[in-house]
N, C-alpha and C. Protein backbone atom coordinates (compact mmCIF):
# COMPACT_ATOMS: atom_id res chain seq x y z
N MET A 1 101.87 98.63 90.95
CA MET A 1 101.95 97.20 91.12
C MET A 1 100.66 96.72 91.76
N THR A 2 100.09 95.64 91.26
CA THR A 2 98.83 95.13 91.77
C THR A 2 99.09 94.10 92.85
N ASP A 3 98.11 93.95 93.74
CA ASP A 3 98.19 92.97 94.81
C ASP A 3 97.62 91.66 94.29
N ARG A 4 98.48 90.71 93.99
CA ARG A 4 98.04 89.42 93.44
C ARG A 4 97.91 88.38 94.55
N ARG A 5 96.80 87.66 94.53
CA ARG A 5 96.59 86.57 95.48
C ARG A 5 96.61 85.25 94.71
N PRO A 6 97.06 84.18 95.33
CA PRO A 6 97.02 82.89 94.66
C PRO A 6 95.58 82.48 94.35
N ALA A 7 95.40 81.74 93.29
CA ALA A 7 94.05 81.30 92.89
C ALA A 7 93.42 80.47 94.01
N GLY A 8 92.13 80.69 94.25
CA GLY A 8 91.40 79.92 95.23
C GLY A 8 91.51 80.44 96.66
N THR A 9 92.19 81.55 96.88
CA THR A 9 92.28 82.09 98.22
C THR A 9 91.04 82.91 98.53
N ILE A 10 90.71 82.97 99.79
CA ILE A 10 89.55 83.73 100.22
C ILE A 10 90.01 85.10 100.68
N GLU A 11 89.37 86.10 100.17
CA GLU A 11 89.69 87.48 100.49
C GLU A 11 88.85 87.90 101.69
N ARG A 12 89.47 88.35 102.73
CA ARG A 12 88.76 88.74 103.95
C ARG A 12 88.41 90.23 103.93
N VAL A 13 87.25 90.55 104.48
CA VAL A 13 86.80 91.94 104.59
C VAL A 13 86.91 92.31 106.06
N SER A 14 87.37 93.52 106.35
CA SER A 14 87.65 93.89 107.73
C SER A 14 86.41 94.24 108.55
N ALA A 15 85.38 94.77 107.93
CA ALA A 15 84.20 95.19 108.68
C ALA A 15 83.39 93.97 109.13
N PRO A 16 82.93 93.95 110.39
CA PRO A 16 82.13 92.82 110.87
C PRO A 16 80.79 92.74 110.15
N GLY A 17 80.32 91.52 109.94
CA GLY A 17 79.05 91.33 109.28
C GLY A 17 79.12 91.43 107.77
N GLU A 18 80.32 91.60 107.23
CA GLU A 18 80.49 91.71 105.79
C GLU A 18 80.69 90.33 105.17
N TYR A 19 81.04 90.32 103.92
CA TYR A 19 81.22 89.08 103.18
C TYR A 19 82.69 88.71 103.03
N GLU A 20 82.93 87.42 102.83
CA GLU A 20 84.23 86.95 102.38
C GLU A 20 84.04 86.39 100.98
N TYR A 21 85.05 86.50 100.15
CA TYR A 21 84.95 86.16 98.74
C TYR A 21 85.93 85.06 98.37
N ALA A 22 85.54 84.23 97.42
CA ALA A 22 86.41 83.17 96.92
C ALA A 22 86.32 83.16 95.40
N PRO A 23 87.40 83.51 94.71
CA PRO A 23 87.39 83.45 93.24
C PRO A 23 87.64 82.03 92.76
N LEU A 24 86.92 81.63 91.75
CA LEU A 24 87.09 80.32 91.12
C LEU A 24 87.21 80.51 89.62
N ARG A 25 87.92 79.63 88.98
CA ARG A 25 87.99 79.64 87.52
C ARG A 25 87.56 78.26 87.04
N ILE A 26 86.51 78.22 86.22
CA ILE A 26 86.00 76.97 85.67
C ILE A 26 86.56 76.84 84.26
N PRO A 27 87.22 75.72 83.95
CA PRO A 27 87.90 75.59 82.66
C PRO A 27 86.96 75.57 81.46
N ALA A 28 87.51 75.92 80.31
CA ALA A 28 86.75 75.87 79.05
C ALA A 28 86.36 74.43 78.77
N GLY A 29 85.25 74.24 78.12
CA GLY A 29 84.78 72.90 77.81
C GLY A 29 83.84 72.35 78.86
N THR A 30 83.73 73.02 80.00
CA THR A 30 82.78 72.60 81.03
C THR A 30 81.40 73.07 80.61
N SER A 31 80.46 72.15 80.59
CA SER A 31 79.11 72.52 80.14
C SER A 31 78.45 73.45 81.15
N ARG A 32 77.44 74.14 80.68
CA ARG A 32 76.72 75.08 81.54
C ARG A 32 76.06 74.36 82.71
N SER A 33 75.48 73.19 82.44
CA SER A 33 74.83 72.43 83.51
C SER A 33 75.84 71.91 84.53
N ALA A 34 77.03 71.50 84.06
CA ALA A 34 78.07 71.03 84.99
C ALA A 34 78.58 72.17 85.85
N ALA A 35 78.75 73.35 85.26
CA ALA A 35 79.18 74.52 86.04
C ALA A 35 78.12 74.90 87.07
N ALA A 36 76.85 74.85 86.69
CA ALA A 36 75.77 75.16 87.62
C ALA A 36 75.72 74.15 88.75
N GLN A 37 75.95 72.88 88.44
CA GLN A 37 75.96 71.84 89.46
C GLN A 37 77.13 72.04 90.43
N LEU A 38 78.29 72.41 89.90
CA LEU A 38 79.45 72.68 90.74
C LEU A 38 79.18 73.82 91.71
N MET A 39 78.61 74.91 91.21
CA MET A 39 78.30 76.04 92.08
C MET A 39 77.21 75.70 93.09
N SER A 40 76.27 74.85 92.70
CA SER A 40 75.22 74.42 93.61
C SER A 40 75.80 73.59 94.76
N MET A 41 76.77 72.74 94.46
CA MET A 41 77.42 71.94 95.51
C MET A 41 78.17 72.84 96.47
N GLN A 42 78.82 73.90 95.95
CA GLN A 42 79.54 74.82 96.81
C GLN A 42 78.58 75.55 97.75
N SER A 43 77.42 75.92 97.25
CA SER A 43 76.46 76.64 98.09
C SER A 43 75.87 75.71 99.15
N ASP A 44 75.66 74.44 98.81
CA ASP A 44 75.10 73.49 99.77
C ASP A 44 76.09 73.12 100.86
N THR A 45 77.36 72.94 100.52
CA THR A 45 78.34 72.46 101.49
C THR A 45 79.00 73.57 102.30
N GLY A 46 79.14 74.76 101.73
CA GLY A 46 79.89 75.80 102.43
C GLY A 46 79.14 77.08 102.67
N GLY A 47 77.89 77.16 102.27
CA GLY A 47 77.14 78.38 102.49
C GLY A 47 77.48 79.50 101.50
N TRP A 48 78.11 79.16 100.39
CA TRP A 48 78.51 80.16 99.40
C TRP A 48 77.34 80.51 98.50
N GLU A 49 77.34 81.73 97.99
CA GLU A 49 76.36 82.16 96.98
C GLU A 49 77.12 82.84 95.85
N LEU A 50 76.49 82.84 94.69
CA LEU A 50 77.11 83.44 93.51
C LEU A 50 77.06 84.96 93.62
N ALA A 51 78.23 85.59 93.52
CA ALA A 51 78.29 87.05 93.55
C ALA A 51 78.48 87.60 92.15
N ARG A 52 79.29 86.91 91.33
CA ARG A 52 79.57 87.39 89.98
C ARG A 52 80.01 86.21 89.12
N LEU A 53 79.61 86.25 87.86
CA LEU A 53 80.02 85.24 86.90
C LEU A 53 80.40 85.94 85.60
N GLN A 54 81.59 85.62 85.08
CA GLN A 54 82.03 86.18 83.81
C GLN A 54 82.39 85.04 82.88
N LEU A 55 81.86 85.06 81.68
CA LEU A 55 82.20 84.09 80.65
C LEU A 55 83.17 84.76 79.69
N HIS A 56 84.37 84.21 79.59
CA HIS A 56 85.41 84.79 78.73
C HIS A 56 85.33 84.22 77.32
N ALA A 57 85.96 84.90 76.38
CA ALA A 57 85.91 84.51 74.97
C ALA A 57 86.51 83.13 74.73
N ASP A 58 87.49 82.73 75.55
CA ASP A 58 88.11 81.42 75.37
C ASP A 58 87.28 80.29 75.98
N GLY A 59 86.15 80.60 76.61
CA GLY A 59 85.27 79.59 77.16
C GLY A 59 85.41 79.36 78.66
N THR A 60 86.42 79.96 79.28
CA THR A 60 86.56 79.82 80.72
C THR A 60 85.55 80.72 81.42
N ARG A 61 85.19 80.31 82.63
CA ARG A 61 84.27 81.10 83.44
C ARG A 61 85.01 81.56 84.70
N LYS A 62 84.90 82.82 85.01
CA LYS A 62 85.45 83.36 86.25
C LYS A 62 84.27 83.56 87.19
N VAL A 63 84.31 82.88 88.31
CA VAL A 63 83.20 82.89 89.26
C VAL A 63 83.70 83.49 90.57
N ILE A 64 82.92 84.39 91.13
CA ILE A 64 83.20 84.94 92.45
C ILE A 64 82.06 84.47 93.36
N MET A 65 82.42 83.66 94.36
CA MET A 65 81.45 83.18 95.34
C MET A 65 81.62 84.04 96.59
N ARG A 66 80.54 84.23 97.33
CA ARG A 66 80.62 85.00 98.56
C ARG A 66 79.76 84.35 99.63
N ARG A 67 80.10 84.65 100.88
CA ARG A 67 79.28 84.24 102.02
C ARG A 67 79.54 85.23 103.16
N ARG A 68 78.60 85.32 104.04
CA ARG A 68 78.77 86.18 105.21
C ARG A 68 79.86 85.59 106.08
N MET A 69 80.67 86.47 106.66
CA MET A 69 81.74 86.00 107.56
C MET A 69 81.11 85.39 108.80
N ARG A 70 81.68 84.25 109.21
CA ARG A 70 81.18 83.54 110.39
C ARG A 70 82.35 83.18 111.28
N LEU A 71 82.04 82.92 112.51
CA LEU A 71 83.07 82.47 113.44
C LEU A 71 83.35 80.99 113.27
N SER A 72 82.34 80.22 112.90
CA SER A 72 82.54 78.78 112.73
C SER A 72 83.21 78.48 111.41
N TYR A 73 83.88 77.36 111.34
CA TYR A 73 84.59 76.96 110.14
C TYR A 73 83.63 76.31 109.14
N LEU A 74 83.70 76.71 107.91
CA LEU A 74 83.01 76.06 106.81
C LEU A 74 84.02 75.85 105.71
N PRO A 75 83.88 74.79 104.91
CA PRO A 75 84.88 74.51 103.88
C PRO A 75 84.94 75.57 102.79
N ARG A 76 86.14 75.73 102.21
CA ARG A 76 86.33 76.65 101.09
C ARG A 76 85.89 75.98 99.81
N PRO A 77 85.47 76.75 98.81
CA PRO A 77 85.08 76.14 97.54
C PRO A 77 86.27 75.53 96.82
N MET A 78 86.03 74.43 96.13
CA MET A 78 87.07 73.74 95.38
C MET A 78 86.57 73.44 93.97
N VAL A 79 87.47 73.47 93.04
CA VAL A 79 87.15 73.09 91.65
C VAL A 79 87.92 71.86 91.32
């Protein structure tokens, strides 16, 4: 049985100084420039960086954003 998390949740890493991850799914039909702009806004507002991007056959994009764990609060990415 796999450990399923709800979409948009941030996965925490136990080791200090490591990264936290946030999976995003960008719907099909979203242009490449719009997807790039969305990810750019996430990096500007929350300190996120692109860790992985997968383009699926149906046109959806699976994006994994990451940032270093911090004590201060920063907003989570939103689509």
